[in-house]
Protein backbone atom coordinates (compact mmCIF):
# COMPACT_ATOMS: atom_id res chain seq x y z
CA MET A 1 -10.59 4.44 2.77
CA LYS A 2 -12.00 0.92 3.12
CA GLY A 3 -12.12 -0.68 6.57
CA VAL A 4 -9.82 -3.55 5.55
CA ILE A 5 -6.98 -1.03 5.34
CA PHE A 6 -7.70 0.00 8.98
CA ASN A 7 -8.01 -3.73 9.97
CA VAL A 8 -4.61 -4.54 8.62
CA LEU A 9 -3.03 -1.46 10.20
CA GLU A 10 -4.47 -2.56 13.56
CA GLU A 11 -2.99 -6.10 12.97
CA MET A 12 0.46 -4.62 12.20
CA VAL A 13 0.51 -2.37 15.24
CA ILE A 14 -0.64 -5.11 17.57
CA LYS A 15 1.87 -7.59 16.15
CA LYS A 16 4.80 -5.23 16.42
CA CYS A 17 3.88 -3.09 19.38
CA GLY A 18 1.15 -4.83 21.30
CA MET A 19 -2.55 -4.32 21.96
CA GLN A 20 -1.84 -1.72 24.65
CA VAL A 21 -0.15 0.60 22.14
CA TRP A 22 -2.96 0.22 19.65
CA ASN A 23 -5.53 1.05 22.41
CA GLU A 24 -3.50 4.13 23.42
CA ILE A 25 -3.39 5.28 19.85
CA LEU A 26 -7.17 4.94 19.50
CA TYR A 27 -7.67 6.72 22.91
CA THR A 28 -5.42 9.63 21.90
CA GLN A 29 -7.22 10.06 18.61
CA ASN A 30 -10.62 9.58 20.32
CA LEU A 31 -11.52 6.71 17.95
CA ASP A 32 -13.48 3.55 18.71
CA GLY A 33 -11.30 1.45 16.42
CA ILE A 34 -14.23 -0.63 15.06
CA TYR A 35 -13.75 -0.91 11.35
CA THR A 36 -15.85 -3.10 9.04
CA ALA A 37 -13.78 -4.36 6.08
CA GLY A 38 -16.16 -3.23 3.35
CA GLU A 39 -17.19 0.06 4.79
CA SER A 40 -15.63 3.35 3.91
CA TYR A 41 -13.97 5.69 6.48
CA PRO A 42 -12.47 9.15 6.12
CA ASP A 43 -8.92 9.30 4.79
CA SER A 44 -8.22 11.74 7.52
CA GLU A 45 -8.82 9.06 10.09
CA LEU A 46 -6.13 6.91 8.61
CA PHE A 47 -3.69 9.84 8.36
CA ALA A 48 -4.37 10.68 11.99
CA LEU A 49 -3.66 7.12 13.05
CA VAL A 50 -0.42 7.03 11.07
CA THR A 51 0.69 10.25 12.59
CA GLU A 52 -0.09 9.02 16.09
CA ILE A 53 1.55 5.62 15.49
CA SER A 54 4.64 7.48 14.24
CA SER A 55 4.62 9.65 17.33
CA GLN A 56 4.24 6.76 19.77
CA THR A 57 6.78 4.44 18.02
CA LYS A 58 9.23 7.19 17.03
CA ILE A 59 9.23 5.72 13.48
CA PRO A 60 9.20 8.41 10.88
CA ALA A 61 5.78 8.52 9.14
CA GLU A 62 7.21 7.89 5.64
CA GLU A 63 9.13 4.78 6.85
CA LEU A 64 6.05 3.65 8.76
CA VAL A 65 3.77 3.95 5.63
CA GLY A 66 6.31 2.10 3.49
CA SER A 67 6.62 -0.75 6.07
CA TYR A 68 2.79 -0.79 6.32
CA GLY A 69 2.57 -1.24 2.55
CA GLU A 70 4.86 -4.26 2.68
CA PHE A 71 2.81 -5.73 5.58
CA LEU A 72 -0.51 -4.90 3.78
CA PHE A 73 0.53 -6.68 0.64
CA ALA A 74 1.25 -9.85 2.62
CA GLN A 75 -2.10 -9.70 4.37
CA LEU A 76 -4.05 -9.02 1.23
CA ALA A 77 -2.33 -11.75 -0.65
CA GLU A 78 -3.32 -14.13 2.20
CA ARG A 79 -6.84 -12.88 2.33
CA TYR A 80 -7.41 -12.68 -1.44
CA PRO A 81 -5.14 -15.27 -3.10
CA LEU A 82 -7.15 -14.96 -6.29
CA PHE A 83 -5.36 -11.69 -6.95
CA LEU A 84 -2.18 -13.58 -7.46
CA GLU A 85 -3.64 -16.41 -9.55
CA ASN A 86 -2.53 -16.43 -13.19
CA LYS A 87 0.28 -14.05 -12.41
CA PRO A 88 3.37 -16.23 -12.60
CA ASP A 89 5.92 -13.44 -12.05
CA LEU A 90 6.28 -10.06 -10.36
CA ARG A 91 6.43 -7.99 -13.49
CA GLY A 92 3.20 -9.60 -14.81
CA PHE A 93 1.56 -9.00 -11.46
CA LEU A 94 2.58 -5.38 -11.28
CA LYS A 95 1.38 -4.72 -14.79
CA SER A 96 -2.05 -6.15 -13.91
CA VAL A 97 -2.69 -3.92 -10.91
CA ASP A 98 -4.90 -1.42 -12.77
CA SER A 99 -6.45 -3.70 -15.40
CA VAL A 100 -7.08 -6.80 -13.22
CA ILE A 101 -6.43 -6.33 -9.57
CA HIS A 102 -8.35 -3.05 -9.22
CA ILE A 103 -11.23 -4.54 -11.21
CA GLU A 104 -11.46 -7.40 -8.76
CA VAL A 105 -11.21 -5.00 -5.82
CA LYS A 106 -14.25 -3.06 -7.28
CA LYS A 107 -16.15 -6.37 -7.29
CA LEU A 108 -15.47 -6.93 -3.65
CA TYR A 109 -15.94 -3.34 -2.39
CA SER A 110 -18.41 -0.65 -3.43
CA ASN A 111 -16.88 2.62 -4.50
CA PRO A 112 -13.27 2.05 -3.67
CA SER A 113 -11.07 5.06 -4.28
CA LEU A 114 -8.18 3.50 -6.05
CA PRO A 115 -5.08 5.03 -7.61
CA LYS A 116 -4.53 4.89 -11.34
CA PHE A 117 -1.37 3.47 -12.94
CA GLU A 118 0.11 3.73 -16.35
CA TYR A 119 2.84 1.33 -17.36
CA GLU A 120 5.84 1.49 -19.66
CA ASP A 121 8.52 -1.15 -20.25
CA LEU A 122 11.71 0.83 -20.44
CA PRO A 123 14.46 -0.11 -22.95
CA ASP A 124 16.86 -1.03 -20.15
CA GLY A 125 14.40 -3.68 -18.75
CA ARG A 126 12.99 -1.63 -15.96
CA LEU A 127 9.25 -1.08 -15.46
CA LEU A 128 7.82 2.42 -15.17
CA MET A 129 4.63 2.61 -13.04
CA ARG A 130 3.13 6.05 -13.26
CA TYR A 131 1.01 6.68 -10.12
CA HIS A 132 -1.93 9.07 -10.08
CA SER A 133 -3.95 9.67 -6.92
CA PRO A 134 -5.23 12.75 -5.06
CA ARG A 135 -4.40 10.87 -1.83
CA LYS A 136 -0.76 11.09 -2.60
CA LEU A 137 0.00 7.60 -1.09
CA CYS A 138 2.93 6.84 -3.33
CA ILE A 139 5.02 5.71 -0.42
CA LEU A 140 2.31 3.13 0.44
CA ALA A 141 2.42 2.04 -3.25
CA GLU A 142 6.17 1.56 -2.95
CA GLY A 143 5.58 -0.57 0.14
CA LEU A 144 2.98 -2.64 -1.64
CA ILE A 145 5.44 -3.18 -4.51
CA ARG A 146 8.22 -4.20 -2.09
CA GLY A 147 5.65 -6.59 -0.50
CA ALA A 148 4.91 -8.07 -3.88
CA SER A 149 8.62 -8.43 -4.43
CA SER A 150 8.97 -10.50 -1.22
CA THR A 151 5.94 -12.64 -2.11
CA TYR A 152 7.28 -13.40 -5.54
CA HIS A 153 10.87 -13.83 -4.20
CA THR A 154 12.04 -11.31 -6.83
CA PRO A 155 14.64 -8.69 -5.80
CA ILE A 156 13.91 -5.17 -6.99
CA ASN A 157 15.05 -1.67 -6.63
CA ILE A 158 12.70 1.31 -6.82
CA GLU A 159 13.58 4.76 -8.15
CA HIS A 160 11.10 7.61 -7.23
CA LYS A 161 12.47 10.87 -8.42
CA ILE A 162 9.28 12.31 -9.91
CA CYS A 163 6.83 12.68 -6.98
CA CYS A 164 3.60 14.43 -6.27
CA HIS A 165 5.06 15.46 -2.85
CA LYS A 166 7.62 17.48 -4.81
CA GLY A 167 4.92 19.30 -6.79
CA ASP A 168 4.87 16.89 -9.75
CA PRO A 169 1.46 16.05 -11.11
CA HIS A 170 2.11 12.27 -10.63
CA CYS A 171 4.79 9.89 -9.32
CA ASP A 172 7.04 7.79 -11.49
CA LEU A 173 7.97 4.56 -9.68
CA ILE A 174 10.66 2.91 -11.74
CA ILE A 175 11.13 -0.69 -10.83
CA GLY A 176 14.44 -2.45 -11.64
CA PHE A 177 14.81 -6.18 -11.62
CA PRO A 178 18.51 -6.80 -11.01
CA ASP A 179 18.24 -10.61 -11.47
CA GLU A 180 16.65 -10.44 -14.90
């Protein structure tokens, strides 16, 4: 996992809970908490931090990861506005994640471990984003999508019945755009 992911997690915890809570989390996990944005760190370290944050804040891990995804999107959009350039609407942005956004991420960071998406415009106007990743961070992907929805001021709903956490080989995130 790239350090920028840890940096933004730290920002969220400090903003919502304070520096003391972040320091307690690091102490409990025996981590120094120094993360360089472009460096890679073990996924297990992120998962341990999420588990400890959940324990200290009493926020269920799934809810915490989803909220973090929303916060992460806003921070990444602020740090890397070029990712949003030439994407006038949410649907266009979402459909560009694999073919444009992830290509740009690979230019910024060496060897990022990114999920893969397949897309399908459904007959009823919804968008299917099929998520593939051995990390199984589909809840983070949902949060990122909700964060994009906020940034684009476009209401959505997400259906997530097919899920790798239920034994399925991938996750189907079906995004509805009720205002379209």
